[in-house]
Amino acid sequence: MKRLFLTLALVLSVLSVMAADILPISNAFKGGNASSLSGSMDKEVDMALPGSSKKCNANDAVSMLNTFFGGNKPTGFTVVHHADKKENGFFVAKLPTSSGEYRVNVTYRAEGNKAIIQSIRIE
């Protein structure tokens, strides 16, 4: 029984080390700071915001988020679901803003322990 718990603890610790860190992304959304995401964006990002949807480069994605945050000042950010699968992952979050609450879906690929954003959907 002891051996089973030790094996389980070892497997869980290895899995947690392999997971990409989404904290910088969460903090950027919580603070409405799109510029801090520029280093976390992939070369091309699928963006879907209220009123616009397109595939764009990292700079355009940051610009779109800045525009969104300009009209919707975040008052918090809560991740409600997060899943990692090999080198990819996603999370779903609630984004309360000055103009209402939005649901945020972010998909990413992992580079080491860093999450590189591939798509952002805000609805």
PDB file of N, CA and C in Angstrom:
ATOM      1  N   MET A   1       0.830  -1.190   0.000  1.00  0.00           N
ATOM      2  CA  MET A   1       0.000   0.000   0.000  1.00  0.00           C
ATOM      3  C   MET A   1       0.874   1.253   0.000  1.00  0.00           C
ATOM      4  N   LYS A   2       1.942   1.202   0.797  1.00  0.00           N
ATOM      5  CA  LYS A   2       2.864   2.335   0.865  1.00  0.00           C
ATOM      6  C   LYS A   2       3.511   2.581  -0.501  1.00  0.00           C
ATOM      7  N   ARG A   3       3.856   1.498  -1.162  1.00  0.00           N
ATOM      8  CA  ARG A   3       4.486   1.593  -2.475  1.00  0.00           C
ATOM      9  C   ARG A   3       3.527   2.230  -3.489  1.00  0.00           C
ATOM     10  N   LEU A   4       2.253   1.902  -3.415  1.00  0.00           N
ATOM     11  CA  LEU A   4       1.250   2.472  -4.314  1.00  0.00           C
ATOM     12  C   LEU A   4       1.153   3.989  -4.118  1.00  0.00           C
ATOM     13  N   PHE A   5       1.096   4.436  -2.885  1.00  0.00           N
ATOM     14  CA  PHE A   5       1.021   5.874  -2.614  1.00  0.00           C
ATOM     15  C   PHE A   5       2.284   6.600  -3.063  1.00  0.00           C
ATOM     16  N   LEU A   6       3.424   5.978  -2.875  1.00  0.00           N
ATOM     17  CA  LEU A   6       4.686   6.575  -3.302  1.00  0.00           C
ATOM     18  C   LEU A   6       4.728   6.711  -4.827  1.00  0.00           C
ATOM     19  N   THR A   7       4.298   5.671  -5.526  1.00  0.00           N
ATOM     20  CA  THR A   7       4.255   5.711  -6.988  1.00  0.00           C
ATOM     21  C   THR A   7       3.288   6.789  -7.472  1.00  0.00           C
ATOM     22  N   LEU A   8       2.123   6.861  -6.862  1.00  0.00           N
ATOM     23  CA  LEU A   8       1.132   7.872  -7.230  1.00  0.00           C
ATOM     24  C   LEU A   8       1.670   9.283  -6.986  1.00  0.00           C
ATOM     25  N   ALA A   9       2.324   9.496  -5.872  1.00  0.00           N
ATOM     26  CA  ALA A   9       2.902  10.810  -5.567  1.00  0.00           C
ATOM     27  C   ALA A   9       3.982  11.180  -6.578  1.00  0.00           C
ATOM     28  N   LEU A  10       4.794  10.220  -6.965  1.00  0.00           N
ATOM     29  CA  LEU A  10       5.848  10.466  -7.946  1.00  0.00           C
ATOM     30  C   LEU A  10       5.257  10.840  -9.305  1.00  0.00           C
ATOM     31  N   VAL A  11       4.252  10.110  -9.744  1.00  0.00           N
ATOM     32  CA  VAL A  11       3.604  10.396 -11.029  1.00  0.00           C
ATOM     33  C   VAL A  11       2.975  11.784 -11.008  1.00  0.00           C
ATOM     34  N   LEU A  12       2.279  12.125  -9.947  1.00  0.00           N
ATOM     35  CA  LEU A  12       1.651  13.444  -9.850  1.00  0.00           C
ATOM     36  C   LEU A  12       2.680  14.565  -9.823  1.00  0.00           C
ATOM     37  N   SER A  13       3.794  14.354  -9.155  1.00  0.00           N
ATOM     38  CA  SER A  13       4.815  15.404  -9.109  1.00  0.00           C
ATOM     39  C   SER A  13       5.457  15.605 -10.481  1.00  0.00           C
ATOM     40  N   VAL A  14       5.665  14.537 -11.228  1.00  0.00           N
ATOM     41  CA  VAL A  14       6.219  14.653 -12.579  1.00  0.00           C
ATOM     42  C   VAL A  14       5.235  15.377 -13.488  1.00  0.00           C
ATOM     43  N   LEU A  15       3.962  15.052 -13.395  1.00  0.00           N
ATOM     44  CA  LEU A  15       2.951  15.714 -14.221  1.00  0.00           C
ATOM     45  C   LEU A  15       2.842  17.194 -13.902  1.00  0.00           C
ATOM     46  N   SER A  16       2.949  17.551 -12.648  1.00  0.00           N
ATOM     47  CA  SER A  16       2.837  18.967 -12.292  1.00  0.00           C
ATOM     48  C   SER A  16       4.046  19.755 -12.769  1.00  0.00           C
ATOM     49  N   VAL A  17       5.207  19.129 -12.862  1.00  0.00           N
ATOM     50  CA  VAL A  17       6.395  19.808 -13.366  1.00  0.00           C
ATOM     51  C   VAL A  17       6.269  20.053 -14.867  1.00  0.00           C
ATOM     52  N   MET A  18       5.605  19.154 -15.585  1.00  0.00           N
ATOM     53  CA  MET A  18       5.482  19.270 -17.028  1.00  0.00           C
ATOM     54  C   MET A  18       4.406  20.273 -17.453  1.00  0.00           C
ATOM     55  N   ALA A  19       3.529  20.672 -16.565  1.00  0.00           N
ATOM     56  CA  ALA A  19       2.437  21.573 -16.928  1.00  0.00           C
ATOM     57  C   ALA A  19       2.958  22.970 -17.228  1.00  0.00           C
ATOM     58  N   ALA A  20       2.356  23.597 -18.235  1.00  0.00           N
ATOM     59  CA  ALA A  20       2.723  24.968 -18.597  1.00  0.00           C
ATOM     60  C   ALA A  20       2.142  25.927 -17.563  1.00  0.00           C
ATOM     61  N   ASP A  21       2.875  26.978 -17.289  1.00  0.00           N
ATOM     62  CA  ASP A  21       2.465  27.979 -16.308  1.00  0.00           C
ATOM     63  C   ASP A  21       1.536  28.996 -16.967  1.00  0.00           C
ATOM     64  N   ILE A  22       0.278  29.036 -16.527  1.00  0.00           N
ATOM     65  CA  ILE A  22      -0.680  29.988 -17.089  1.00  0.00           C
ATOM     66  C   ILE A  22      -0.850  31.221 -16.199  1.00  0.00           C
ATOM     67  N   LEU A  23      -0.135  31.285 -15.096  1.00  0.00           N
ATOM     68  CA  LEU A  23      -0.273  32.413 -14.170  1.00  0.00           C
ATOM     69  C   LEU A  23       0.003  33.767 -14.828  1.00  0.00           C
ATOM     70  N   PRO A  24       1.049  33.916 -15.653  1.00  0.00           N
ATOM     71  CA  PRO A  24       1.258  35.218 -16.305  1.00  0.00           C
ATOM     72  C   PRO A  24       0.087  35.628 -17.204  1.00  0.00           C
ATOM     73  N   ILE A  25      -0.531  34.655 -17.862  1.00  0.00           N
ATOM     74  CA  ILE A  25      -1.683  34.953 -18.715  1.00  0.00           C
ATOM     75  C   ILE A  25      -2.864  35.379 -17.847  1.00  0.00           C
ATOM     76  N   SER A  26      -3.112  34.639 -16.774  1.00  0.00           N
ATOM     77  CA  SER A  26      -4.198  34.990 -15.856  1.00  0.00           C
ATOM     78  C   SER A  26      -4.016  36.383 -15.281  1.00  0.00           C
ATOM     79  N   ASN A  27      -2.800  36.687 -14.866  1.00  0.00           N
ATOM     80  CA  ASN A  27      -2.530  38.011 -14.292  1.00  0.00           C
ATOM     81  C   ASN A  27      -2.728  39.123 -15.315  1.00  0.00           C
ATOM     82  N   ALA A  28      -2.362  38.870 -16.562  1.00  0.00           N
ATOM     83  CA  ALA A  28      -2.546  39.875 -17.616  1.00  0.00           C
ATOM     84  C   ALA A  28      -4.030  40.153 -17.841  1.00  0.00           C
ATOM     85  N   PHE A  29      -4.841  39.102 -17.872  1.00  0.00           N
ATOM     86  CA  PHE A  29      -6.285  39.299 -18.033  1.00  0.00           C
ATOM     87  C   PHE A  29      -6.877  39.997 -16.813  1.00  0.00           C
ATOM     88  N   LYS A  30      -6.450  39.588 -15.637  1.00  0.00           N
ATOM     89  CA  LYS A  30      -6.980  40.186 -14.409  1.00  0.00           C
ATOM     90  C   LYS A  30      -6.693  41.687 -14.355  1.00  0.00           C
ATOM     91  N   GLY A  31      -5.520  42.085 -14.804  1.00  0.00           N
ATOM     92  CA  GLY A  31      -5.139  43.493 -14.775  1.00  0.00           C
ATOM     93  C   GLY A  31      -5.475  44.255 -16.044  1.00  0.00           C
ATOM     94  N   GLY A  32      -6.019  43.573 -17.050  1.00  0.00           N
ATOM     95  CA  GLY A  32      -6.324  44.238 -18.315  1.00  0.00           C
ATOM     96  C   GLY A  32      -5.075  44.713 -19.032  1.00  0.00           C
ATOM     97  N   ASN A  33      -3.984  43.961 -18.879  1.00  0.00           N
ATOM     98  CA  ASN A  33      -2.687  44.346 -19.422  1.00  0.00           C
ATOM     99  C   ASN A  33      -2.322  43.453 -20.610  1.00  0.00           C
ATOM    100  N   ALA A  34      -2.857  43.771 -21.772  1.00  0.00           N
ATOM    101  CA  ALA A  34      -2.612  42.959 -22.965  1.00  0.00           C
ATOM    102  C   ALA A  34      -1.153  43.006 -23.394  1.00  0.00           C
ATOM    103  N   SER A  35      -0.485  44.120 -23.176  1.00  0.00           N
ATOM    104  CA  SER A  35       0.918  44.266 -23.599  1.00  0.00           C
ATOM    105  C   SER A  35       1.820  43.226 -22.957  1.00  0.00           C
ATOM    106  N   SER A  36       1.500  42.818 -21.733  1.00  0.00           N
ATOM    107  CA  SER A  36       2.335  41.822 -21.062  1.00  0.00           C
ATOM    108  C   SER A  36       2.183  40.434 -21.683  1.00  0.00           C
ATOM    109  N   LEU A  37       1.198  40.260 -22.558  1.00  0.00           N
ATOM    110  CA  LEU A  37       1.007  38.976 -23.237  1.00  0.00           C
ATOM    111  C   LEU A  37       1.808  38.847 -24.523  1.00  0.00           C
ATOM    112  N   SER A  38       2.443  39.921 -24.972  1.00  0.00           N
ATOM    113  CA  SER A  38       3.131  39.885 -26.268  1.00  0.00           C
ATOM    114  C   SER A  38       4.179  38.774 -26.338  1.00  0.00           C
ATOM    115  N   GLY A  39       4.866  38.495 -25.260  1.00  0.00           N
ATOM    116  CA  GLY A  39       5.861  37.427 -25.241  1.00  0.00           C
ATOM    117  C   GLY A  39       5.266  36.040 -25.120  1.00  0.00           C
ATOM    118  N   SER A  40       3.967  35.963 -24.859  1.00  0.00           N
ATOM    119  CA  SER A  40       3.288  34.674 -24.702  1.00  0.00           C
ATOM    120  C   SER A  40       2.441  34.295 -25.905  1.00  0.00           C
ATOM    121  N   MET A  41       2.456  35.135 -26.941  1.00  0.00           N
ATOM    122  CA  MET A  41       1.647  34.867 -28.132  1.00  0.00           C
ATOM    123  C   MET A  41       2.435  34.041 -29.145  1.00  0.00           C
ATOM    124  N   ASP A  42       1.734  33.151 -29.837  1.00  0.00           N
ATOM    125  CA  ASP A  42       2.330  32.404 -30.938  1.00  0.00           C
ATOM    126  C   ASP A  42       2.488  33.346 -32.137  1.00  0.00           C
ATOM    127  N   LYS A  43       3.144  32.891 -33.195  1.00  0.00           N
ATOM    128  CA  LYS A  43       3.322  33.736 -34.389  1.00  0.00           C
ATOM    129  C   LYS A  43       1.978  34.135 -34.986  1.00  0.00           C
ATOM    130  N   GLU A  44       1.039  33.201 -35.021  1.00  0.00           N
ATOM    131  CA  GLU A  44      -0.325  33.464 -35.478  1.00  0.00           C
ATOM    132  C   GLU A  44      -1.280  33.067 -34.368  1.00  0.00           C
ATOM    133  N   VAL A  45      -2.271  33.922 -34.119  1.00  0.00           N
ATOM    134  CA  VAL A  45      -3.228  33.678 -33.044  1.00  0.00           C
ATOM    135  C   VAL A  45      -4.641  33.816 -33.602  1.00  0.00           C
ATOM    136  N   ASP A  46      -5.490  32.843 -33.300  1.00  0.00           N
ATOM    137  CA  ASP A  46      -6.908  32.944 -33.658  1.00  0.00           C
ATOM    138  C   ASP A  46      -7.593  33.777 -32.582  1.00  0.00           C
ATOM    139  N   MET A  47      -8.156  34.906 -32.983  1.00  0.00           N
ATOM    140  CA  MET A  47      -8.822  35.810 -32.044  1.00  0.00           C
ATOM    141  C   MET A  47     -10.314  35.850 -32.350  1.00  0.00           C
ATOM    142  N   ALA A  48     -11.132  35.746 -31.314  1.00  0.00           N
ATOM    143  CA  ALA A  48     -12.582  35.887 -31.447  1.00  0.00           C
ATOM    144  C   ALA A  48     -13.059  36.720 -30.265  1.00  0.00           C
ATOM    145  N   LEU A  49     -13.310  37.990 -30.533  1.00  0.00           N
ATOM    146  CA  LEU A  49     -13.799  38.920 -29.520  1.00  0.00           C
ATOM    147  C   LEU A  49     -15.194  39.364 -29.925  1.00  0.00           C
ATOM    148  N   PRO A  50     -15.977  39.912 -29.001  1.00  0.00           N
ATOM    149  CA  PRO A  50     -17.304  40.394 -29.383  1.00  0.00           C
ATOM    150  C   PRO A  50     -17.201  41.394 -30.542  1.00  0.00           C
ATOM    151  N   GLY A  51     -17.811  41.061 -31.653  1.00  0.00           N
ATOM    152  CA  GLY A  51     -17.816  41.953 -32.808  1.00  0.00           C
ATOM    153  C   GLY A  51     -16.707  41.740 -33.817  1.00  0.00           C
ATOM    154  N   SER A  52     -15.711  40.922 -33.516  1.00  0.00           N
ATOM    155  CA  SER A  52     -14.639  40.677 -34.486  1.00  0.00           C
ATOM    156  C   SER A  52     -14.007  39.309 -34.260  1.00  0.00           C
ATOM    157  N   SER A  53     -13.585  38.723 -35.362  1.00  0.00           N
ATOM    158  CA  SER A  53     -12.963  37.408 -35.309  1.00  0.00           C
ATOM    159  C   SER A  53     -11.989  37.303 -36.473  1.00  0.00           C
ATOM    160  N   LYS A  54     -10.729  36.992 -36.168  1.00  0.00           N
ATOM    161  CA  LYS A  54      -9.755  36.828 -37.249  1.00  0.00           C
ATOM    162  C   LYS A  54      -8.509  36.114 -36.752  1.00  0.00           C
ATOM    163  N   LYS A  55      -7.746  35.609 -37.717  1.00  0.00           N
ATOM    164  CA  LYS A  55      -6.440  35.023 -37.437  1.00  0.00           C
ATOM    165  C   LYS A  55      -5.437  36.141 -37.687  1.00  0.00           C
ATOM    166  N   CYS A  56      -4.569  36.403 -36.723  1.00  0.00           N
ATOM    167  CA  CYS A  56      -3.667  37.543 -36.860  1.00  0.00           C
ATOM    168  C   CYS A  56      -2.314  37.250 -36.212  1.00  0.00           C
ATOM    169  N   ASN A  57      -1.366  38.158 -36.435  1.00  0.00           N
ATOM    170  CA  ASN A  57      -0.056  38.000 -35.810  1.00  0.00           C
ATOM    171  C   ASN A  57      -0.132  38.452 -34.351  1.00  0.00           C
ATOM    172  N   ALA A  58       0.932  38.242 -33.613  1.00  0.00           N
ATOM    173  CA  ALA A  58       0.951  38.534 -32.178  1.00  0.00           C
ATOM    174  C   ALA A  58       0.676  40.006 -31.884  1.00  0.00           C
ATOM    175  N   ASN A  59       1.263  40.917 -32.666  1.00  0.00           N
ATOM    176  CA  ASN A  59       1.055  42.350 -32.425  1.00  0.00           C
ATOM    177  C   ASN A  59      -0.404  42.752 -32.611  1.00  0.00           C
ATOM    178  N   ASP A  60      -1.048  42.226 -33.654  1.00  0.00           N
ATOM    179  CA  ASP A  60      -2.464  42.526 -33.882  1.00  0.00           C
ATOM    180  C   ASP A  60      -3.339  41.941 -32.774  1.00  0.00           C
ATOM    181  N   ALA A  61      -2.972  40.758 -32.289  1.00  0.00           N
ATOM    182  CA  ALA A  61      -3.733  40.137 -31.203  1.00  0.00           C
ATOM    183  C   ALA A  61      -3.665  40.993 -29.941  1.00  0.00           C
ATOM    184  N   VAL A  62      -2.476  41.486 -29.622  1.00  0.00           N
ATOM    185  CA  VAL A  62      -2.315  42.360 -28.453  1.00  0.00           C
ATOM    186  C   VAL A  62      -3.118  43.637 -28.647  1.00  0.00           C
ATOM    187  N   SER A  63      -3.091  44.194 -29.846  1.00  0.00           N
ATOM    188  CA  SER A  63      -3.848  45.409 -30.151  1.00  0.00           C
ATOM    189  C   SER A  63      -5.355  45.182 -29.983  1.00  0.00           C
ATOM    190  N   MET A  64      -5.844  44.040 -30.460  1.00  0.00           N
ATOM    191  CA  MET A  64      -7.267  43.718 -30.307  1.00  0.00           C
ATOM    192  C   MET A  64      -7.645  43.607 -28.833  1.00  0.00           C
ATOM    193  N   LEU A  65      -6.785  42.968 -28.045  1.00  0.00           N
ATOM    194  CA  LEU A  65      -7.066  42.846 -26.613  1.00  0.00           C
ATOM    195  C   LEU A  65      -7.023  44.205 -25.924  1.00  0.00           C
ATOM    196  N   ASN A  66      -6.069  45.056 -26.304  1.00  0.00           N
ATOM    197  CA  ASN A  66      -6.004  46.404 -25.727  1.00  0.00           C
ATOM    198  C   ASN A  66      -7.291  47.172 -26.002  1.00  0.00           C
ATOM    199  N   THR A  67      -7.805  47.055 -27.218  1.00  0.00           N
ATOM    200  CA  THR A  67      -9.062  47.716 -27.573  1.00  0.00           C
ATOM    201  C   THR A  67     -10.210  47.167 -26.726  1.00  0.00           C
ATOM    202  N   PHE A  68     -10.252  45.846 -26.576  1.00  0.00           N
ATOM    203  CA  PHE A  68     -11.297  45.222 -25.759  1.00  0.00           C
ATOM    204  C   PHE A  68     -11.211  45.703 -24.312  1.00  0.00           C
ATOM    205  N   PHE A  69     -10.002  45.676 -23.740  1.00  0.00           N
ATOM    206  CA  PHE A  69      -9.831  46.100 -22.349  1.00  0.00           C
ATOM    207  C   PHE A  69     -10.117  47.587 -22.166  1.00  0.00           C
ATOM    208  N   GLY A  70      -9.910  48.384 -23.227  1.00  0.00           N
ATOM    209  CA  GLY A  70     -10.207  49.809 -23.157  1.00  0.00           C
ATOM    210  C   GLY A  70     -11.680  50.086 -22.904  1.00  0.00           C
ATOM    211  N   GLY A  71     -12.548  49.252 -23.461  1.00  0.00           N
ATOM    212  CA  GLY A  71     -13.985  49.425 -23.271  1.00  0.00           C
ATOM    213  C   GLY A  71     -14.583  48.522 -22.219  1.00  0.00           C
ATOM    214  N   ASN A  72     -13.791  47.591 -21.715  1.00  0.00           N
ATOM    215  CA  ASN A  72     -14.269  46.606 -20.736  1.00  0.00           C
ATOM    216  C   ASN A  72     -13.195  46.403 -19.677  1.00  0.00           C
ATOM    217  N   LYS A  73     -13.113  47.303 -18.718  1.00  0.00           N
ATOM    218  CA  LYS A  73     -12.068  47.233 -17.692  1.00  0.00           C
ATOM    219  C   LYS A  73     -12.299  46.018 -16.786  1.00  0.00           C
ATOM    220  N   PRO A  74     -11.342  45.077 -16.755  1.00  0.00           N
ATOM    221  CA  PRO A  74     -11.491  43.888 -15.913  1.00  0.00           C
ATOM    222  C   PRO A  74     -11.540  44.237 -14.421  1.00  0.00           C
ATOM    223  N   THR A  75     -12.407  43.519 -13.709  1.00  0.00           N
ATOM    224  CA  THR A  75     -12.492  43.669 -12.255  1.00  0.00           C
ATOM    225  C   THR A  75     -12.088  42.380 -11.551  1.00  0.00           C
ATOM    226  N   GLY A  76     -11.648  41.395 -12.308  1.00  0.00           N
ATOM    227  CA  GLY A  76     -11.217  40.114 -11.759  1.00  0.00           C
ATOM    228  C   GLY A  76     -10.953  39.142 -12.896  1.00  0.00           C
ATOM    229  N   PHE A  77     -10.581  37.919 -12.540  1.00  0.00           N
ATOM    230  CA  PHE A  77     -10.369  36.863 -13.527  1.00  0.00           C
ATOM    231  C   PHE A  77     -10.270  35.551 -12.766  1.00  0.00           C
ATOM    232  N   THR A  78     -11.139  34.595 -13.099  1.00  0.00           N
ATOM    233  CA  THR A  78     -11.162  33.322 -12.391  1.00  0.00           C
ATOM    234  C   THR A  78     -11.126  32.170 -13.383  1.00  0.00           C
ATOM    235  N   VAL A  79     -10.101  31.336 -13.295  1.00  0.00           N
ATOM    236  CA  VAL A  79     -10.017  30.135 -14.135  1.00  0.00           C
ATOM    237  C   VAL A  79     -10.973  29.097 -13.549  1.00  0.00           C
ATOM    238  N   VAL A  80     -11.915  28.627 -14.375  1.00  0.00           N
ATOM    239  CA  VAL A  80     -12.888  27.644 -13.905  1.00  0.00           C
ATOM    240  C   VAL A  80     -12.568  26.227 -14.388  1.00  0.00           C
ATOM    241  N   HIS A  81     -11.763  26.112 -15.442  1.00  0.00           N
ATOM    242  CA  HIS A  81     -11.349  24.793 -15.923  1.00  0.00           C
ATOM    243  C   HIS A  81     -10.006  24.935 -16.630  1.00  0.00           C
ATOM    244  N   HIS A  82      -9.111  23.986 -16.373  1.00  0.00           N
ATOM    245  CA  HIS A  82      -7.775  24.012 -16.971  1.00  0.00           C
ATOM    246  C   HIS A  82      -7.359  22.575 -17.247  1.00  0.00           C
ATOM    247  N   ALA A  83      -6.885  22.311 -18.464  1.00  0.00           N
ATOM    248  CA  ALA A  83      -6.442  20.964 -18.815  1.00  0.00           C
ATOM    249  C   ALA A  83      -5.186  21.032 -19.672  1.00  0.00           C
ATOM    250  N   ASP A  84      -4.231  20.178 -19.358  1.00  0.00           N
ATOM    251  CA  ASP A  84      -3.011  20.021 -20.150  1.00  0.00           C
ATOM    252  C   ASP A  84      -3.020  18.625 -20.748  1.00  0.00           C
ATOM    253  N   LYS A  85      -2.599  18.527 -21.997  1.00  0.00           N
ATOM    254  CA  LYS A  85      -2.511  17.235 -22.660  1.00  0.00           C
ATOM    255  C   LYS A  85      -1.233  17.227 -23.477  1.00  0.00           C
ATOM    256  N   LYS A  86      -0.251  16.488 -23.041  1.00  0.00           N
ATOM    257  CA  LYS A  86       1.077  16.448 -23.655  1.00  0.00           C
ATOM    258  C   LYS A  86       1.622  17.861 -23.801  1.00  0.00           C
ATOM    259  N   GLU A  87       1.792  18.331 -25.034  1.00  0.00           N
ATOM    260  CA  GLU A  87       2.383  19.663 -25.219  1.00  0.00           C
ATOM    261  C   GLU A  87       1.342  20.746 -25.487  1.00  0.00           C
ATOM    262  N   ASN A  88       0.052  20.442 -25.329  1.00  0.00           N
ATOM    263  CA  ASN A  88      -1.009  21.425 -25.545  1.00  0.00           C
ATOM    264  C   ASN A  88      -1.878  21.550 -24.303  1.00  0.00           C
ATOM    265  N   GLY A  89      -2.629  22.640 -24.246  1.00  0.00           N
ATOM    266  CA  GLY A  89      -3.544  22.828 -23.133  1.00  0.00           C
ATOM    267  C   GLY A  89      -4.559  23.909 -23.433  1.00  0.00           C
ATOM    268  N   PHE A  90      -5.498  24.050 -22.528  1.00  0.00           N
ATOM    269  CA  PHE A  90      -6.490  25.110 -22.652  1.00  0.00           C
ATOM    270  C   PHE A  90      -7.019  25.442 -21.270  1.00  0.00           C
ATOM    271  N   PHE A  91      -7.615  26.609 -21.161  1.00  0.00           N
ATOM    272  CA  PHE A  91      -8.355  26.921 -19.953  1.00  0.00           C
ATOM    273  C   PHE A  91      -9.561  27.776 -20.288  1.00  0.00           C
ATOM    274  N   VAL A  92     -10.552  27.682 -19.415  1.00  0.00           N
ATOM    275  CA  VAL A  92     -11.782  28.458 -19.514  1.00  0.00           C
ATOM    276  C   VAL A  92     -11.848  29.301 -18.257  1.00  0.00           C
ATOM    277  N   ALA A  93     -12.216  30.566 -18.426  1.00  0.00           N
ATOM    278  CA  ALA A  93     -12.244  31.470 -17.279  1.00  0.00           C
ATOM    279  C   ALA A  93     -13.433  32.414 -17.358  1.00  0.00           C
ATOM    280  N   LYS A  94     -13.754  33.009 -16.215  1.00  0.00           N
ATOM    281  CA  LYS A  94     -14.754  34.072 -16.140  1.00  0.00           C
ATOM    282  C   LYS A  94     -14.010  35.387 -16.005  1.00  0.00           C
ATOM    283  N   LEU A  95     -14.428  36.366 -16.802  1.00  0.00           N
ATOM    284  CA  LEU A  95     -13.804  37.688 -16.792  1.00  0.00           C
ATOM    285  C   LEU A  95     -14.869  38.743 -16.486  1.00  0.00           C
ATOM    286  N   PRO A  96     -15.031  39.106 -15.206  1.00  0.00           N
ATOM    287  CA  PRO A  96     -15.957  40.196 -14.891  1.00  0.00           C
ATOM    288  C   PRO A  96     -15.315  41.533 -15.269  1.00  0.00           C
ATOM    289  N   THR A  97     -16.097  42.384 -15.936  1.00  0.00           N
ATOM    290  CA  THR A  97     -15.590  43.689 -16.360  1.00  0.00           C
ATOM    291  C   THR A  97     -16.575  44.777 -15.944  1.00  0.00           C
ATOM    292  N   SER A  98     -16.191  46.008 -16.212  1.00  0.00           N
ATOM    293  CA  SER A  98     -17.050  47.149 -15.898  1.00  0.00           C
ATOM    294  C   SER A  98     -18.343  47.137 -16.711  1.00  0.00           C
ATOM    295  N   SER A  99     -18.368  46.383 -17.804  1.00  0.00           N
ATOM    296  CA  SER A  99     -19.558  46.361 -18.659  1.00  0.00           C
ATOM    297  C   SER A  99     -20.269  45.005 -18.683  1.00  0.00           C
ATOM    298  N   GLY A 100     -19.880  44.072 -17.826  1.00  0.00           N
ATOM    299  CA  GLY A 100     -20.517  42.755 -17.778  1.00  0.00           C
ATOM    300  C   GLY A 100     -19.498  41.642 -17.649  1.00  0.00           C
ATOM    301  N   GLU A 101     -20.003  40.408 -17.538  1.00  0.00           N
ATOM    302  CA  GLU A 101     -19.114  39.258 -17.380  1.00  0.00           C
ATOM    303  C   GLU A 101     -18.954  38.530 -18.710  1.00  0.00           C
ATOM    304  N   TYR A 102     -17.735  38.123 -18.995  1.00  0.00           N
ATOM    305  CA  TYR A 102     -17.410  37.404 -20.224  1.00  0.00           C
ATOM    306  C   TYR A 102     -16.813  36.048 -19.880  1.00  0.00           C
ATOM    307  N   ARG A 103     -16.939  35.130 -20.823  1.00  0.00           N
ATOM    308  CA  ARG A 103     -16.300  33.819 -20.719  1.00  0.00           C
ATOM    309  C   ARG A 103     -15.091  33.857 -21.645  1.00  0.00           C
ATOM    310  N   VAL A 104     -13.958  33.412 -21.147  1.00  0.00           N
ATOM    311  CA  VAL A 104     -12.709  33.432 -21.913  1.00  0.00           C
ATOM    312  C   VAL A 104     -12.227  32.000 -22.113  1.00  0.00           C
ATOM    313  N   ASN A 105     -11.909  31.650 -23.358  1.00  0.00           N
ATOM    314  CA  ASN A 105     -11.311  30.356 -23.692  1.00  0.00           C
ATOM    315  C   ASN A 105      -9.945  30.627 -24.312  1.00  0.00           C
ATOM    316  N   VAL A 106      -8.915  30.030 -23.761  1.00  0.00           N
ATOM    317  CA  VAL A 106      -7.555  30.194 -24.282  1.00  0.00           C
ATOM    318  C   VAL A 106      -6.975  28.813 -24.553  1.00  0.00           C
ATOM    319  N   THR A 107      -6.463  28.606 -25.768  1.00  0.00           N
ATOM    320  CA  THR A 107      -5.720  27.384 -26.068  1.00  0.00           C
ATOM    321  C   THR A 107      -4.257  27.764 -26.256  1.00  0.00           C
ATOM    322  N   TYR A 108      -3.381  26.870 -25.879  1.00  0.00           N
ATOM    323  CA  TYR A 108      -1.950  27.162 -25.940  1.00  0.00           C
ATOM    324  C   TYR A 108      -1.160  25.889 -26.181  1.00  0.00           C
ATOM    325  N   ARG A 109       0.078  26.087 -26.577  1.00  0.00           N
ATOM    326  CA  ARG A 109       1.038  24.984 -26.640  1.00  0.00           C
ATOM    327  C   ARG A 109       2.097  25.274 -25.587  1.00  0.00           C
ATOM    328  N   ALA A 110       2.691  24.237 -25.070  1.00  0.00           N
ATOM    329  CA  ALA A 110       3.696  24.403 -24.027  1.00  0.00           C
ATOM    330  C   ALA A 110       5.091  24.377 -24.631  1.00  0.00           C
ATOM    331  N   GLU A 111       5.894  25.343 -24.232  1.00  0.00           N
ATOM    332  CA  GLU A 111       7.328  25.372 -24.547  1.00  0.00           C
ATOM    333  C   GLU A 111       8.038  25.353 -23.211  1.00  0.00           C
ATOM    334  N   GLY A 112       8.482  24.178 -22.822  1.00  0.00           N
ATOM    335  CA  GLY A 112       9.020  24.035 -21.471  1.00  0.00           C
ATOM    336  C   GLY A 112       7.876  24.213 -20.498  1.00  0.00           C
ATOM    337  N   ASN A 113       8.025  25.163 -19.576  1.00  0.00           N
ATOM    338  CA  ASN A 113       6.921  25.427 -18.649  1.00  0.00           C
ATOM    339  C   ASN A 113       6.176  26.714 -19.008  1.00  0.00           C
ATOM    340  N   LYS A 114       6.409  27.233 -20.223  1.00  0.00           N
ATOM    341  CA  LYS A 114       5.767  28.469 -20.663  1.00  0.00           C
ATOM    342  C   LYS A 114       4.611  28.150 -21.613  1.00  0.00           C
ATOM    343  N   ALA A 115       3.475  28.817 -21.410  1.00  0.00           N
ATOM    344  CA  ALA A 115       2.315  28.652 -22.280  1.00  0.00           C
ATOM    345  C   ALA A 115       2.386  29.667 -23.418  1.00  0.00           C
ATOM    346  N   ILE A 116       2.328  29.186 -24.654  1.00  0.00           N
ATOM    347  CA  ILE A 116       2.343  30.033 -25.849  1.00  0.00           C
ATOM    348  C   ILE A 116       0.924  30.029 -26.431  1.00  0.00           C
ATOM    349  N   ILE A 117       0.268  31.186 -26.391  1.00  0.00           N
ATOM    350  CA  ILE A 117      -1.144  31.299 -26.763  1.00  0.00           C
ATOM    351  C   ILE A 117      -1.342  31.081 -28.260  1.00  0.00           C
ATOM    352  N   GLN A 118      -2.271  30.175 -28.588  1.00  0.00           N
ATOM    353  CA  GLN A 118      -2.632  29.900 -29.979  1.00  0.00           C
ATOM    354  C   GLN A 118      -3.992  30.483 -30.338  1.00  0.00           C
ATOM    355  N   SER A 119      -4.890  30.578 -29.366  1.00  0.00           N
ATOM    356  CA  SER A 119      -6.200  31.177 -29.639  1.00  0.00           C
ATOM    357  C   SER A 119      -6.795  31.776 -28.373  1.00  0.00           C
ATOM    358  N   ILE A 120      -7.549  32.846 -28.580  1.00  0.00           N
ATOM    359  CA  ILE A 120      -8.287  33.498 -27.497  1.00  0.00           C
ATOM    360  C   ILE A 120      -9.699  33.743 -28.001  1.00  0.00           C
ATOM    361  N   ARG A 121     -10.664  33.290 -27.229  1.00  0.00           N
ATOM    362  CA  ARG A 121     -12.076  33.537 -27.549  1.00  0.00           C
ATOM    363  C   ARG A 121     -12.712  34.174 -26.319  1.00  0.00           C
ATOM    364  N   ILE A 122     -13.294  35.352 -26.521  1.00  0.00           N
ATOM    365  CA  ILE A 122     -13.998  36.048 -25.444  1.00  0.00           C
ATOM    366  C   ILE A 122     -15.446  36.201 -25.879  1.00  0.00           C
ATOM    367  N   GLU A 123     -16.360  35.664 -25.087  1.00  0.00           N
ATOM    368  CA  GLU A 123     -17.780  35.730 -25.433  1.00  0.00           C
ATOM    369  C   GLU A 123     -18.629  36.060 -24.223  1.00  0.00           C
TER     370      GLU A 123
END
